[in-house]
Amino acid sequence: MKKLLIATVACLGLAACNGNEEKVYTVDELVNDPATLERIYKECGNDPGRLSETPNCKNVAQARWKSRLNNMSKSLQ
């Protein structure tokens, strides 16, 4: 019985880690990939209560800021 319980817990643990986790993008990756930046930005904006504290939503906010600064810098040159 004890072995069955351990096996069940192990299976449940593996099922929870099934590899469906979304890739976490860096700020630079997002700055260099506007389509991905926009896609994740829309996802974060569509469900901010659940997603706003995720790494990708935080990185998207920083990447959008960095992109704006880069664009302002280019326009001043």
Protein backbone atom coordinates (compact mmCIF):
# COMPACT_ATOMS: atom_id res chain seq x y z
CA MET A 1 0.00 0.00 0.00
CA LYS A 2 2.81 2.37 0.89
CA LYS A 3 4.52 1.68 -2.46
CA LEU A 4 1.27 2.40 -4.29
CA LEU A 5 0.94 5.73 -2.51
CA ILE A 6 4.53 6.70 -3.37
CA ALA A 7 4.00 5.68 -7.00
CA THR A 8 0.79 7.70 -7.20
CA VAL A 9 2.43 10.81 -5.74
CA ALA A 10 5.36 10.43 -8.15
CA CYS A 11 3.01 10.14 -11.13
CA LEU A 12 1.06 13.20 -10.05
CA GLY A 13 4.29 15.13 -9.65
CA LEU A 14 5.39 14.20 -13.14
CA ALA A 15 1.99 15.10 -14.57
CA ALA A 16 2.26 18.57 -13.04
CA CYS A 17 5.58 19.06 -14.83
CA ASN A 18 4.44 17.97 -18.26
CA GLY A 19 6.52 20.49 -20.20
CA ASN A 20 3.67 22.82 -21.17
CA GLU A 21 5.39 25.78 -19.57
CA GLU A 22 5.73 28.81 -21.82
CA LYS A 23 9.22 29.93 -22.76
CA VAL A 24 10.37 32.92 -20.75
CA TYR A 25 11.76 35.57 -23.09
CA THR A 26 14.45 38.03 -22.11
CA VAL A 27 13.95 41.76 -22.60
CA ASP A 28 16.46 41.80 -25.47
CA GLU A 29 14.75 38.86 -27.19
CA LEU A 30 11.44 40.71 -27.03
CA VAL A 31 12.93 44.00 -28.26
CA ASN A 32 14.37 42.13 -31.25
CA ASP A 33 11.12 40.24 -31.98
CA PRO A 34 8.27 42.78 -32.19
CA ALA A 35 5.69 40.14 -33.18
CA THR A 36 6.33 38.08 -30.04
CA LEU A 37 6.43 41.24 -27.92
CA GLU A 38 3.03 42.31 -29.26
CA ARG A 39 1.51 38.83 -28.84
CA ILE A 40 2.59 38.54 -25.20
CA TYR A 41 1.61 42.17 -24.51
CA LYS A 42 -1.93 41.43 -25.71
CA GLU A 43 -2.11 38.23 -23.64
CA CYS A 44 -0.97 40.09 -20.53
CA GLY A 45 -3.43 42.92 -21.14
CA ASN A 46 -6.28 40.49 -21.68
CA ASP A 47 -5.82 38.82 -18.26
CA PRO A 48 -3.79 41.15 -16.02
CA GLY A 49 -5.20 39.73 -12.82
CA ARG A 50 -3.67 36.34 -13.50
CA LEU A 51 -0.69 37.18 -15.71
CA SER A 52 0.69 40.58 -14.67
CA GLU A 53 3.24 39.12 -12.27
CA THR A 54 4.54 36.45 -14.66
CA PRO A 55 8.11 36.78 -15.97
CA ASN A 56 7.02 37.30 -19.57
CA CYS A 57 4.56 40.08 -18.69
CA LYS A 58 7.20 41.84 -16.61
CA ASN A 59 9.76 41.44 -19.40
CA VAL A 60 7.27 42.71 -22.00
CA ALA A 61 6.70 45.87 -19.98
CA GLN A 62 10.45 46.46 -19.76
CA ALA A 63 10.96 45.63 -23.45
CA ARG A 64 8.26 48.10 -24.51
CA TRP A 65 9.95 50.78 -22.41
CA LYS A 66 13.35 49.97 -23.88
CA SER A 67 11.93 50.02 -27.42
CA ARG A 68 10.39 53.46 -26.84
CA LEU A 69 13.69 54.80 -25.52
CA ASN A 70 15.53 53.34 -28.51
CA ASN A 71 13.02 54.92 -30.90
CA MET A 72 13.29 58.31 -29.19
CA SER A 73 17.06 58.12 -29.31
CA LYS A 74 17.01 57.30 -33.03
CA SER A 75 14.63 60.18 -33.77
CA LEU A 76 16.91 62.66 -31.99
CA GLN A 77 19.94 61.75 -34.08
